[in-house]
């Protein structure tokens, strides 16, 4: 390997690491805003929870049946926060993903 090959490898490695840094930053911003801008907050909490018919059409469950199922499996869907995920996805959101 000559000097040009080594310089090219160093350049490509540096470019790749800067892209990884950029992706991590974008990812962390996305997770920080999930509580207010996430699909669950916007679609389910703002629009479907106040309209029983739309809720049933979207999830194929009535809100009462959804709550019944959730109460039976809530403990299985609940995780404690840890270093990587300080705010894990709530059981309601997990069940919404599952039934959808």
C-alpha atoms as a PDB file:
ATOM      1  CA  UNK A   1       0.000   0.000   0.000  1.00  0.00           C
ATOM      2  CA  UNK A   2       1.370   3.373  -0.941  1.00  0.00           C
ATOM      3  CA  UNK A   3       0.791   6.750   0.711  1.00  0.00           C
ATOM      4  CA  UNK A   4      -2.123   7.622  -1.564  1.00  0.00           C
ATOM      5  CA  UNK A   5      -3.993   4.441  -0.586  1.00  0.00           C
ATOM      6  CA  UNK A   6      -3.432   5.114   3.116  1.00  0.00           C
ATOM      7  CA  UNK A   7      -4.576   8.736   2.773  1.00  0.00           C
ATOM      8  CA  UNK A   8      -7.709   7.588   0.932  1.00  0.00           C
ATOM      9  CA  UNK A   9      -8.522   5.034   3.649  1.00  0.00           C
ATOM     10  CA  UNK A  10      -8.051   7.640   6.384  1.00  0.00           C
ATOM     11  CA  UNK A  11     -10.289  10.092   4.509  1.00  0.00           C
ATOM     12  CA  UNK A  12     -13.049   7.508   3.982  1.00  0.00           C
ATOM     13  CA  UNK A  13     -12.898   6.401   7.608  1.00  0.00           C
ATOM     14  CA  UNK A  14     -13.151  10.013   8.801  1.00  0.00           C
ATOM     15  CA  UNK A  15     -16.108  10.678   6.490  1.00  0.00           C
ATOM     16  CA  UNK A  16     -17.892   7.570   7.724  1.00  0.00           C
ATOM     17  CA  UNK A  17     -17.421   8.488  11.388  1.00  0.00           C
ATOM     18  CA  UNK A  18     -18.775  12.012  10.826  1.00  0.00           C
ATOM     19  CA  UNK A  19     -21.898  10.545   9.170  1.00  0.00           C
ATOM     20  CA  UNK A  20     -22.362   8.212  12.154  1.00  0.00           C
ATOM     21  CA  UNK A  21     -22.126  11.194  14.513  1.00  0.00           C
ATOM     22  CA  UNK A  22     -24.727  13.098  12.481  1.00  0.00           C
ATOM     23  CA  UNK A  23     -27.097  10.100  12.485  1.00  0.00           C
ATOM     24  CA  UNK A  24     -26.770   9.671  16.263  1.00  0.00           C
ATOM     25  CA  UNK A  25     -27.612  13.332  16.802  1.00  0.00           C
ATOM     26  CA  UNK A  26     -30.692  13.140  14.563  1.00  0.00           C
ATOM     27  CA  UNK A  27     -31.762   9.921  16.271  1.00  0.00           C
ATOM     28  CA  UNK A  28     -31.463  11.403  19.755  1.00  0.00           C
ATOM     29  CA  UNK A  29     -33.530  14.456  18.747  1.00  0.00           C
ATOM     30  CA  UNK A  30     -36.182  12.140  17.336  1.00  0.00           C
ATOM     31  CA  UNK A  31     -36.431  10.218  20.619  1.00  0.00           C
ATOM     32  CA  UNK A  32     -36.478  13.380  22.715  1.00  0.00           C
ATOM     33  CA  UNK A  33     -39.474  14.722  20.784  1.00  0.00           C
ATOM     34  CA  UNK A  34     -41.384  11.433  20.715  1.00  0.00           C
ATOM     35  CA  UNK A  35     -43.545  12.453  23.706  1.00  0.00           C
ATOM     36  CA  UNK A  36     -45.018  15.414  21.836  1.00  0.00           C
ATOM     37  CA  UNK A  37     -44.459  14.735  18.132  1.00  0.00           C
ATOM     38  CA  UNK A  38     -44.707  10.964  17.860  1.00  0.00           C
ATOM     39  CA  UNK A  39     -47.385   9.196  15.840  1.00  0.00           C
ATOM     40  CA  UNK A  40     -48.936   7.731  18.983  1.00  0.00           C
ATOM     41  CA  UNK A  41     -49.335  11.141  20.598  1.00  0.00           C
ATOM     42  CA  UNK A  42     -50.704  12.828  17.502  1.00  0.00           C
ATOM     43  CA  UNK A  43     -52.905  10.125  16.011  1.00  0.00           C
ATOM     44  CA  UNK A  44     -54.097   8.086  18.968  1.00  0.00           C
ATOM     45  CA  UNK A  45     -54.154  10.557  21.849  1.00  0.00           C
ATOM     46  CA  UNK A  46     -55.358  13.607  19.924  1.00  0.00           C
ATOM     47  CA  UNK A  47     -57.706  12.070  17.381  1.00  0.00           C
ATOM     48  CA  UNK A  48     -58.724   8.478  18.021  1.00  0.00           C
ATOM     49  CA  UNK A  49     -59.242   8.431  21.789  1.00  0.00           C
ATOM     50  CA  UNK A  50     -62.018  11.001  21.572  1.00  0.00           C
ATOM     51  CA  UNK A  51     -63.843   9.211  18.748  1.00  0.00           C
ATOM     52  CA  UNK A  52     -64.947   5.648  19.553  1.00  0.00           C
ATOM     53  CA  UNK A  53     -66.005   4.837  15.993  1.00  0.00           C
ATOM     54  CA  UNK A  54     -62.720   5.967  14.424  1.00  0.00           C
ATOM     55  CA  UNK A  55     -60.817   4.107  17.147  1.00  0.00           C
ATOM     56  CA  UNK A  56     -62.695   0.905  16.318  1.00  0.00           C
ATOM     57  CA  UNK A  57     -62.135   1.354  12.586  1.00  0.00           C
ATOM     58  CA  UNK A  58     -58.421   1.943  13.032  1.00  0.00           C
ATOM     59  CA  UNK A  59     -57.619  -0.779  15.595  1.00  0.00           C
ATOM     60  CA  UNK A  60     -60.530  -3.179  14.958  1.00  0.00           C
ATOM     61  CA  UNK A  61     -61.203  -3.064  18.708  1.00  0.00           C
ATOM     62  CA  UNK A  62     -63.539  -0.932  20.743  1.00  0.00           C
ATOM     63  CA  UNK A  63     -61.836   1.325  23.298  1.00  0.00           C
ATOM     64  CA  UNK A  64     -63.388  -0.769  26.078  1.00  0.00           C
ATOM     65  CA  UNK A  65     -61.981  -4.004  24.638  1.00  0.00           C
ATOM     66  CA  UNK A  66     -58.600  -2.321  24.073  1.00  0.00           C
ATOM     67  CA  UNK A  67     -58.492  -1.314  27.763  1.00  0.00           C
ATOM     68  CA  UNK A  68     -59.534  -4.811  28.804  1.00  0.00           C
ATOM     69  CA  UNK A  69     -56.702  -6.410  26.807  1.00  0.00           C
ATOM     70  CA  UNK A  70     -54.230  -3.803  28.022  1.00  0.00           C
ATOM     71  CA  UNK A  71     -55.091  -4.402  31.675  1.00  0.00           C
ATOM     72  CA  UNK A  72     -54.413  -8.122  31.255  1.00  0.00           C
ATOM     73  CA  UNK A  73     -51.027  -7.770  29.564  1.00  0.00           C
ATOM     74  CA  UNK A  74     -49.771  -4.432  30.939  1.00  0.00           C
ATOM     75  CA  UNK A  75     -47.136  -6.059  33.180  1.00  0.00           C
ATOM     76  CA  UNK A  76     -45.728  -8.033  30.257  1.00  0.00           C
ATOM     77  CA  UNK A  77     -45.371  -4.863  28.172  1.00  0.00           C
ATOM     78  CA  UNK A  78     -43.848  -2.669  30.892  1.00  0.00           C
ATOM     79  CA  UNK A  79     -40.096  -2.161  31.086  1.00  0.00           C
ATOM     80  CA  UNK A  80     -38.087  -0.121  33.544  1.00  0.00           C
ATOM     81  CA  UNK A  81     -35.925   2.713  32.207  1.00  0.00           C
ATOM     82  CA  UNK A  82     -32.229   2.015  31.831  1.00  0.00           C
ATOM     83  CA  UNK A  83     -29.153   3.826  30.560  1.00  0.00           C
ATOM     84  CA  UNK A  84     -29.823   3.581  26.851  1.00  0.00           C
ATOM     85  CA  UNK A  85     -33.585   4.136  26.982  1.00  0.00           C
ATOM     86  CA  UNK A  86     -34.493   6.542  29.729  1.00  0.00           C
ATOM     87  CA  UNK A  87     -38.150   6.692  28.622  1.00  0.00           C
ATOM     88  CA  UNK A  88     -39.217   3.285  27.277  1.00  0.00           C
ATOM     89  CA  UNK A  89     -42.307   3.007  25.112  1.00  0.00           C
ATOM     90  CA  UNK A  90     -45.446   2.881  27.228  1.00  0.00           C
ATOM     91  CA  UNK A  91     -47.614  -0.280  27.257  1.00  0.00           C
ATOM     92  CA  UNK A  92     -50.489   1.541  25.522  1.00  0.00           C
ATOM     93  CA  UNK A  93     -48.260   2.470  22.601  1.00  0.00           C
ATOM     94  CA  UNK A  94     -46.865  -1.054  22.342  1.00  0.00           C
ATOM     95  CA  UNK A  95     -50.359  -2.521  22.238  1.00  0.00           C
ATOM     96  CA  UNK A  96     -51.375  -0.001  19.565  1.00  0.00           C
ATOM     97  CA  UNK A  97     -48.441  -1.142  17.433  1.00  0.00           C
ATOM     98  CA  UNK A  98     -49.333  -4.782  18.019  1.00  0.00           C
ATOM     99  CA  UNK A  99     -53.017  -4.570  17.123  1.00  0.00           C
ATOM    100  CA  UNK A 100     -52.507  -2.259  14.178  1.00  0.00           C
END
